[in-house]
Every structure is written in C-alpha cells, then in structure tokens.
PDB file of N, CA and C in Angstrom:
ATOM      1  N   UNK A   1       0.842  -1.172   0.000  1.00  0.00           N
ATOM      2  CA  UNK A   1       0.000   0.000   0.000  1.00  0.00           C
ATOM      3  C   UNK A   1       0.880   1.225   0.000  1.00  0.00           C
ATOM      4  N   UNK A   2       0.348   2.315  -0.391  1.00  0.00           N
ATOM      5  CA  UNK A   2       1.093   3.556  -0.403  1.00  0.00           C
ATOM      6  C   UNK A   2       1.280   4.023   1.037  1.00  0.00           C
ATOM      7  N   UNK A   3       2.399   4.617   1.335  1.00  0.00           N
ATOM      8  CA  UNK A   3       2.676   5.077   2.697  1.00  0.00           C
ATOM      9  C   UNK A   3       1.673   6.115   3.189  1.00  0.00           C
ATOM     10  N   UNK A   4       1.096   6.883   2.277  1.00  0.00           N
ATOM     11  CA  UNK A   4       0.165   7.921   2.689  1.00  0.00           C
ATOM     12  C   UNK A   4      -1.283   7.438   2.769  1.00  0.00           C
ATOM     13  N   UNK A   5      -1.503   6.138   2.595  1.00  0.00           N
ATOM     14  CA  UNK A   5      -2.849   5.592   2.708  1.00  0.00           C
ATOM     15  C   UNK A   5      -3.296   5.661   4.163  1.00  0.00           C
ATOM     16  N   UNK A   6      -4.444   6.288   4.417  1.00  0.00           N
ATOM     17  CA  UNK A   6      -4.923   6.337   5.803  1.00  0.00           C
ATOM     18  C   UNK A   6      -5.280   4.941   6.301  1.00  0.00           C
ATOM     19  N   UNK A   7      -5.311   4.781   7.617  1.00  0.00           N
ATOM     20  CA  UNK A   7      -5.610   3.469   8.222  1.00  0.00           C
ATOM     21  C   UNK A   7      -6.953   2.940   7.737  1.00  0.00           C
ATOM     22  N   UNK A   8      -7.972   3.771   7.731  1.00  0.00           N
ATOM     23  CA  UNK A   8      -9.271   3.416   7.178  1.00  0.00           C
ATOM     24  C   UNK A   8      -9.482   4.283   5.945  1.00  0.00           C
ATOM     25  N   UNK A   9     -10.003   3.696   4.887  1.00  0.00           N
ATOM     26  CA  UNK A   9     -10.171   4.456   3.658  1.00  0.00           C
ATOM     27  C   UNK A   9     -11.498   4.123   2.988  1.00  0.00           C
ATOM     28  N   UNK A  10     -11.942   5.053   2.150  1.00  0.00           N
ATOM     29  CA  UNK A  10     -13.081   4.881   1.265  1.00  0.00           C
ATOM     30  C   UNK A  10     -12.619   5.377  -0.087  1.00  0.00           C
ATOM     31  N   UNK A  11     -12.992   4.694  -1.143  1.00  0.00           N
ATOM     32  CA  UNK A  11     -12.557   5.087  -2.476  1.00  0.00           C
ATOM     33  C   UNK A  11     -11.472   4.158  -2.969  1.00  0.00           C
ATOM     34  N   UNK A  12     -10.700   4.622  -3.933  1.00  0.00           N
ATOM     35  CA  UNK A  12      -9.694   3.783  -4.579  1.00  0.00           C
ATOM     36  C   UNK A  12      -8.309   4.067  -4.012  1.00  0.00           C
ATOM     37  N   UNK A  13      -7.612   2.984  -3.674  1.00  0.00           N
ATOM     38  CA  UNK A  13      -6.282   3.054  -3.079  1.00  0.00           C
ATOM     39  C   UNK A  13      -5.366   2.077  -3.815  1.00  0.00           C
ATOM     40  N   UNK A  14      -4.111   2.469  -4.008  1.00  0.00           N
ATOM     41  CA  UNK A  14      -3.118   1.597  -4.635  1.00  0.00           C
ATOM     42  C   UNK A  14      -2.370   0.818  -3.568  1.00  0.00           C
ATOM     43  N   UNK A  15      -2.286  -0.482  -3.756  1.00  0.00           N
ATOM     44  CA  UNK A  15      -1.471  -1.349  -2.908  1.00  0.00           C
ATOM     45  C   UNK A  15      -0.351  -1.900  -3.780  1.00  0.00           C
ATOM     46  N   UNK A  16       0.857  -1.894  -3.254  1.00  0.00           N
ATOM     47  CA  UNK A  16       2.009  -2.460  -3.966  1.00  0.00           C
ATOM     48  C   UNK A  16       2.178  -3.891  -3.490  1.00  0.00           C
ATOM     49  N   UNK A  17       2.175  -4.820  -4.428  1.00  0.00           N
ATOM     50  CA  UNK A  17       2.342  -6.217  -4.046  1.00  0.00           C
ATOM     51  C   UNK A  17       3.482  -6.830  -4.840  1.00  0.00           C
ATOM     52  N   UNK A  18       4.120  -7.822  -4.226  1.00  0.00           N
ATOM     53  CA  UNK A  18       5.292  -8.457  -4.829  1.00  0.00           C
ATOM     54  C   UNK A  18       4.967  -9.766  -5.527  1.00  0.00           C
ATOM     55  N   UNK A  19       4.001 -10.473  -5.036  1.00  0.00           N
ATOM     56  CA  UNK A  19       3.743 -11.799  -5.571  1.00  0.00           C
ATOM     57  C   UNK A  19       2.447 -11.798  -6.350  1.00  0.00           C
ATOM     58  N   UNK A  20       2.459 -12.365  -7.529  1.00  0.00           N
ATOM     59  CA  UNK A  20       1.329 -12.244  -8.436  1.00  0.00           C
ATOM     60  C   UNK A  20       0.470 -13.491  -8.497  1.00  0.00           C
ATOM     61  N   UNK A  21       0.265 -14.165  -7.394  1.00  0.00           N
ATOM     62  CA  UNK A  21      -0.591 -15.347  -7.394  1.00  0.00           C
ATOM     63  C   UNK A  21      -2.045 -14.986  -7.674  1.00  0.00           C
ATOM     64  N   UNK A  22      -2.401 -13.723  -7.517  1.00  0.00           N
ATOM     65  CA  UNK A  22      -3.781 -13.298  -7.741  1.00  0.00           C
ATOM     66  C   UNK A  22      -4.101 -13.005  -9.200  1.00  0.00           C
ATOM     67  N   UNK A  23      -3.112 -12.938 -10.058  1.00  0.00           N
ATOM     68  CA  UNK A  23      -3.335 -12.493 -11.433  1.00  0.00           C
ATOM     69  C   UNK A  23      -4.433 -13.303 -12.103  1.00  0.00           C
ATOM     70  N   UNK A  24      -4.350 -14.626 -12.085  1.00  0.00           N
ATOM     71  CA  UNK A  24      -5.341 -15.455 -12.760  1.00  0.00           C
ATOM     72  C   UNK A  24      -6.717 -15.309 -12.125  1.00  0.00           C
ATOM     73  N   UNK A  25      -6.764 -15.241 -10.802  1.00  0.00           N
ATOM     74  CA  UNK A  25      -8.046 -15.111 -10.105  1.00  0.00           C
ATOM     75  C   UNK A  25      -8.726 -13.804 -10.475  1.00  0.00           C
ATOM     76  N   UNK A  26      -7.975 -12.718 -10.445  1.00  0.00           N
ATOM     77  CA  UNK A  26      -8.542 -11.406 -10.739  1.00  0.00           C
ATOM     78  C   UNK A  26      -8.941 -11.305 -12.205  1.00  0.00           C
ATOM     79  N   UNK A  27      -8.080 -11.758 -13.093  1.00  0.00           N
ATOM     80  CA  UNK A  27      -8.399 -11.671 -14.517  1.00  0.00           C
ATOM     81  C   UNK A  27      -9.598 -12.533 -14.875  1.00  0.00           C
ATOM     82  N   UNK A  28      -9.771 -13.666 -14.212  1.00  0.00           N
ATOM     83  CA  UNK A  28     -10.916 -14.523 -14.512  1.00  0.00           C
ATOM     84  C   UNK A  28     -12.224 -13.924 -14.031  1.00  0.00           C
ATOM     85  N   UNK A  29     -12.152 -12.948 -13.125  1.00  0.00           N
ATOM     86  CA  UNK A  29     -13.363 -12.300 -12.632  1.00  0.00           C
ATOM     87  C   UNK A  29     -13.938 -11.338 -13.669  1.00  0.00           C
ATOM     88  N   UNK A  30     -13.154 -10.967 -14.652  1.00  0.00           N
ATOM     89  CA  UNK A  30     -13.637 -10.071 -15.692  1.00  0.00           C
ATOM     90  C   UNK A  30     -13.619  -8.618 -15.266  1.00  0.00           C
ATOM     91  N   UNK A  31     -14.255  -7.792 -16.058  1.00  0.00           N
ATOM     92  CA  UNK A  31     -14.199  -6.352 -15.824  1.00  0.00           C
ATOM     93  C   UNK A  31     -15.066  -5.897 -14.666  1.00  0.00           C
ATOM     94  N   UNK A  32     -15.884  -6.776 -14.117  1.00  0.00           N
ATOM     95  CA  UNK A  32     -16.755  -6.391 -13.018  1.00  0.00           C
ATOM     96  C   UNK A  32     -16.038  -6.255 -11.700  1.00  0.00           C
ATOM     97  N   UNK A  33     -14.777  -6.583 -11.655  1.00  0.00           N
ATOM     98  CA  UNK A  33     -14.027  -6.495 -10.411  1.00  0.00           C
ATOM     99  C   UNK A  33     -14.093  -7.802  -9.644  1.00  0.00           C
ATOM    100  N   UNK A  34     -13.359  -7.865  -8.582  1.00  0.00           N
ATOM    101  CA  UNK A  34     -13.265  -9.081  -7.776  1.00  0.00           C
ATOM    102  C   UNK A  34     -13.336  -8.688  -6.324  1.00  0.00           C
ATOM    103  N   UNK A  35     -14.288  -9.239  -5.587  1.00  0.00           N
ATOM    104  CA  UNK A  35     -14.460  -8.842  -4.194  1.00  0.00           C
ATOM    105  C   UNK A  35     -13.389  -9.483  -3.319  1.00  0.00           C
ATOM    106  N   UNK A  36     -12.613  -8.648  -2.657  1.00  0.00           N
ATOM    107  CA  UNK A  36     -11.517  -9.096  -1.804  1.00  0.00           C
ATOM    108  C   UNK A  36     -12.015  -9.343  -0.388  1.00  0.00           C
ATOM    109  N   UNK A  37     -12.691  -8.389   0.172  1.00  0.00           N
ATOM    110  CA  UNK A  37     -13.396  -8.491   1.455  1.00  0.00           C
ATOM    111  C   UNK A  37     -14.743  -7.805   1.217  1.00  0.00           C
ATOM    112  N   UNK A  38     -15.749  -8.036   2.040  1.00  0.00           N
ATOM    113  CA  UNK A  38     -17.058  -7.437   1.783  1.00  0.00           C
ATOM    114  C   UNK A  38     -16.975  -5.926   1.546  1.00  0.00           C
ATOM    115  N   UNK A  39     -17.529  -5.493   0.417  1.00  0.00           N
ATOM    116  CA  UNK A  39     -17.540  -4.079   0.083  1.00  0.00           C
ATOM    117  C   UNK A  39     -16.272  -3.554  -0.561  1.00  0.00           C
ATOM    118  N   UNK A  40     -15.287  -4.434  -0.786  1.00  0.00           N
ATOM    119  CA  UNK A  40     -13.998  -4.011  -1.355  1.00  0.00           C
ATOM    120  C   UNK A  40     -13.774  -4.756  -2.661  1.00  0.00           C
ATOM    121  N   UNK A  41     -13.592  -4.003  -3.725  1.00  0.00           N
ATOM    122  CA  UNK A  41     -13.382  -4.566  -5.052  1.00  0.00           C
ATOM    123  C   UNK A  41     -11.965  -4.313  -5.547  1.00  0.00           C
ATOM    124  N   UNK A  42     -11.368  -5.333  -6.167  1.00  0.00           N
ATOM    125  CA  UNK A  42     -10.122  -5.136  -6.895  1.00  0.00           C
ATOM    126  C   UNK A  42     -10.552  -4.596  -8.247  1.00  0.00           C
ATOM    127  N   UNK A  43     -10.098  -3.407  -8.589  1.00  0.00           N
ATOM    128  CA  UNK A  43     -10.566  -2.791  -9.817  1.00  0.00           C
ATOM    129  C   UNK A  43      -9.532  -2.771 -10.926  1.00  0.00           C
ATOM    130  N   UNK A  44      -8.261  -2.890 -10.562  1.00  0.00           N
ATOM    131  CA  UNK A  44      -7.234  -2.876 -11.594  1.00  0.00           C
ATOM    132  C   UNK A  44      -5.951  -3.486 -11.056  1.00  0.00           C
ATOM    133  N   UNK A  45      -5.330  -4.293 -11.882  1.00  0.00           N
ATOM    134  CA  UNK A  45      -4.054  -4.905 -11.551  1.00  0.00           C
ATOM    135  C   UNK A  45      -3.057  -4.496 -12.615  1.00  0.00           C
ATOM    136  N   UNK A  46      -1.957  -3.882 -12.212  1.00  0.00           N
ATOM    137  CA  UNK A  46      -0.895  -3.497 -13.133  1.00  0.00           C
ATOM    138  C   UNK A  46       0.344  -4.298 -12.755  1.00  0.00           C
ATOM    139  N   UNK A  47       0.537  -5.396 -13.469  1.00  0.00           N
ATOM    140  CA  UNK A  47       1.636  -6.308 -13.149  1.00  0.00           C
ATOM    141  C   UNK A  47       2.983  -5.625 -13.317  1.00  0.00           C
ATOM    142  N   UNK A  48       3.154  -4.850 -14.376  1.00  0.00           N
ATOM    143  CA  UNK A  48       4.455  -4.224 -14.617  1.00  0.00           C
ATOM    144  C   UNK A  48       4.813  -3.194 -13.535  1.00  0.00           C
ATOM    145  N   UNK A  49       3.810  -2.505 -12.994  1.00  0.00           N
ATOM    146  CA  UNK A  49       4.061  -1.516 -11.945  1.00  0.00           C
ATOM    147  C   UNK A  49       4.024  -2.133 -10.554  1.00  0.00           C
ATOM    148  N   UNK A  50       3.474  -3.347 -10.442  1.00  0.00           N
ATOM    149  CA  UNK A  50       3.370  -3.988  -9.137  1.00  0.00           C
ATOM    150  C   UNK A  50       2.310  -3.357  -8.256  1.00  0.00           C
ATOM    151  N   UNK A  51       1.234  -2.859  -8.882  1.00  0.00           N
ATOM    152  CA  UNK A  51       0.175  -2.231  -8.096  1.00  0.00           C
ATOM    153  C   UNK A  51      -1.164  -2.925  -8.300  1.00  0.00           C
ATOM    154  N   UNK A  52      -1.925  -2.893  -7.263  1.00  0.00           N
ATOM    155  CA  UNK A  52      -3.271  -3.429  -7.249  1.00  0.00           C
ATOM    156  C   UNK A  52      -4.156  -2.290  -6.774  1.00  0.00           C
ATOM    157  N   UNK A  53      -5.057  -1.818  -7.630  1.00  0.00           N
ATOM    158  CA  UNK A  53      -5.966  -0.734  -7.274  1.00  0.00           C
ATOM    159  C   UNK A  53      -7.211  -1.363  -6.660  1.00  0.00           C
ATOM    160  N   UNK A  54      -7.567  -0.900  -5.470  1.00  0.00           N
ATOM    161  CA  UNK A  54      -8.673  -1.465  -4.719  1.00  0.00           C
ATOM    162  C   UNK A  54      -9.637  -0.344  -4.352  1.00  0.00           C
ATOM    163  N   UNK A  55     -10.933  -0.591  -4.528  1.00  0.00           N
ATOM    164  CA  UNK A  55     -11.950   0.397  -4.196  1.00  0.00           C
ATOM    165  C   UNK A  55     -12.816  -0.109  -3.056  1.00  0.00           C
ATOM    166  N   UNK A  56     -12.960   0.718  -2.028  1.00  0.00           N
ATOM    167  CA  UNK A  56     -13.826   0.402  -0.888  1.00  0.00           C
ATOM    168  C   UNK A  56     -15.054   1.300  -0.957  1.00  0.00           C
ATOM    169  N   UNK A  57     -16.222   0.696  -0.847  1.00  0.00           N
ATOM    170  CA  UNK A  57     -17.472   1.443  -0.905  1.00  0.00           C
ATOM    171  C   UNK A  57     -17.843   2.050   0.438  1.00  0.00           C
ATOM    172  N   UNK A  58     -17.244   1.551   1.503  1.00  0.00           N
ATOM    173  CA  UNK A  58     -17.503   2.063   2.852  1.00  0.00           C
ATOM    174  C   UNK A  58     -16.180   2.058   3.605  1.00  0.00           C
ATOM    175  N   UNK A  59     -16.078   2.739   4.740  1.00  0.00           N
ATOM    176  CA  UNK A  59     -14.803   2.765   5.469  1.00  0.00           C
ATOM    177  C   UNK A  59     -14.270   1.346   5.713  1.00  0.00           C
ATOM    178  N   UNK A  60     -13.047   1.135   5.291  1.00  0.00           N
ATOM    179  CA  UNK A  60     -12.412  -0.178   5.365  1.00  0.00           C
ATOM    180  C   UNK A  60     -11.032  -0.019   5.961  1.00  0.00           C
ATOM    181  N   UNK A  61     -10.700  -0.874   6.902  1.00  0.00           N
ATOM    182  CA  UNK A  61      -9.373  -0.847   7.518  1.00  0.00           C
ATOM    183  C   UNK A  61      -8.383  -1.471   6.539  1.00  0.00           C
ATOM    184  N   UNK A  62      -7.328  -0.745   6.221  1.00  0.00           N
ATOM    185  CA  UNK A  62      -6.351  -1.274   5.263  1.00  0.00           C
ATOM    186  C   UNK A  62      -5.710  -2.555   5.765  1.00  0.00           C
ATOM    187  N   UNK A  63      -5.651  -2.739   7.099  1.00  0.00           N
ATOM    188  CA  UNK A  63      -5.118  -3.975   7.661  1.00  0.00           C
ATOM    189  C   UNK A  63      -5.944  -5.177   7.262  1.00  0.00           C
ATOM    190  N   UNK A  64      -7.269  -5.007   7.127  1.00  0.00           N
ATOM    191  CA  UNK A  64      -8.126  -6.099   6.670  1.00  0.00           C
ATOM    192  C   UNK A  64      -7.825  -6.470   5.225  1.00  0.00           C
ATOM    193  N   UNK A  65      -7.556  -5.458   4.401  1.00  0.00           N
ATOM    194  CA  UNK A  65      -7.217  -5.712   2.996  1.00  0.00           C
ATOM    195  C   UNK A  65      -5.876  -6.423   2.906  1.00  0.00           C
ATOM    196  N   UNK A  66      -4.888  -5.944   3.657  1.00  0.00           N
ATOM    197  CA  UNK A  66      -3.565  -6.572   3.651  1.00  0.00           C
ATOM    198  C   UNK A  66      -3.667  -8.021   4.126  1.00  0.00           C
ATOM    199  N   UNK A  67      -4.442  -8.274   5.169  1.00  0.00           N
ATOM    200  CA  UNK A  67      -4.606  -9.636   5.681  1.00  0.00           C
ATOM    201  C   UNK A  67      -5.235 -10.544   4.630  1.00  0.00           C
ATOM    202  N   UNK A  68      -6.228 -10.036   3.908  1.00  0.00           N
ATOM    203  CA  UNK A  68      -6.865 -10.836   2.859  1.00  0.00           C
ATOM    204  C   UNK A  68      -5.886 -11.141   1.733  1.00  0.00           C
ATOM    205  N   UNK A  69      -5.086 -10.158   1.341  1.00  0.00           N
ATOM    206  CA  UNK A  69      -4.080 -10.387   0.307  1.00  0.00           C
ATOM    207  C   UNK A  69      -3.039 -11.406   0.766  1.00  0.00           C
ATOM    208  N   UNK A  70      -2.619 -11.316   2.013  1.00  0.00           N
ATOM    209  CA  UNK A  70      -1.643 -12.269   2.555  1.00  0.00           C
ATOM    210  C   UNK A  70      -2.202 -13.679   2.569  1.00  0.00           C
ATOM    211  N   UNK A  71      -3.467 -13.826   2.921  1.00  0.00           N
ATOM    212  CA  UNK A  71      -4.092 -15.166   2.919  1.00  0.00           C
ATOM    213  C   UNK A  71      -4.105 -15.758   1.518  1.00  0.00           C
ATOM    214  N   UNK A  72      -4.114 -14.899   0.509  1.00  0.00           N
ATOM    215  CA  UNK A  72      -4.122 -15.360  -0.870  1.00  0.00           C
ATOM    216  C   UNK A  72      -2.724 -15.523  -1.450  1.00  0.00           C
ATOM    217  N   UNK A  73      -1.703 -15.297  -0.626  1.00  0.00           N
ATOM    218  CA  UNK A  73      -0.335 -15.534  -1.051  1.00  0.00           C
ATOM    219  C   UNK A  73       0.411 -14.333  -1.578  1.00  0.00           C
ATOM    220  N   UNK A  74      -0.125 -13.144  -1.396  1.00  0.00           N
ATOM    221  CA  UNK A  74       0.549 -11.929  -1.876  1.00  0.00           C
ATOM    222  C   UNK A  74       1.349 -11.309  -0.737  1.00  0.00           C
ATOM    223  N   UNK A  75       2.445 -10.674  -1.107  1.00  0.00           N
ATOM    224  CA  UNK A  75       3.232  -9.910  -0.165  1.00  0.00           C
ATOM    225  C   UNK A  75       2.992  -8.441  -0.465  1.00  0.00           C
ATOM    226  N   UNK A  76       2.486  -7.691   0.501  1.00  0.00           N
ATOM    227  CA  UNK A  76       2.199  -6.269   0.315  1.00  0.00           C
ATOM    228  C   UNK A  76       3.419  -5.476   0.776  1.00  0.00           C
ATOM    229  N   UNK A  77       3.892  -4.586  -0.099  1.00  0.00           N
ATOM    230  CA  UNK A  77       5.032  -3.724   0.227  1.00  0.00           C
ATOM    231  C   UNK A  77       4.531  -2.379   0.709  1.00  0.00           C
ATOM    232  N   UNK A  78       5.337  -1.697   1.532  1.00  0.00           N
ATOM    233  CA  UNK A  78       5.010  -0.328   1.957  1.00  0.00           C
ATOM    234  C   UNK A  78       5.234   0.635   0.845  1.00  0.00           C
TER     235      UNK A  78
END
C-alpha cells in the first residue's frame, strides 16, 4: 500500500504487491471487479508496476485488505 494511505479508507487506493498469485483469479473475474473483502473490489491490476488498485465502498481498515491479500499468497510492500 502507499505510505500515505490512511488506516481506514473509502474510495480507490493503490497497494504495492510483490507476488502475483492473484493475477489469474482477478483476470478470470472479468471487468466487473473481484471482491476481496465485503464491500472491497479489486478494480485494476498493473503487473508491470506492481500495483493493485482497490476500491472500498464504505470505510475499510487497510489492515483487513492486507490480511486478505496475505491469505491469498501476496506480499504487500510499503
């Protein structure tokens, strides 16, 4: 995640990840996005930049997003 990302966020936030085990899962979800945790959608994956753009529809703790990514095998960088 970006260092300036607030602890709780609403809207779209960039997370930097190192491991791309999610690529196939996210791409297979199509353009509608992929729900990471309730109310949180993965909206864009940029493999070359190492960023995952995530949109939260309601206040979401970034720690919950990081934990979900870790459970899926991704390493989130600061």
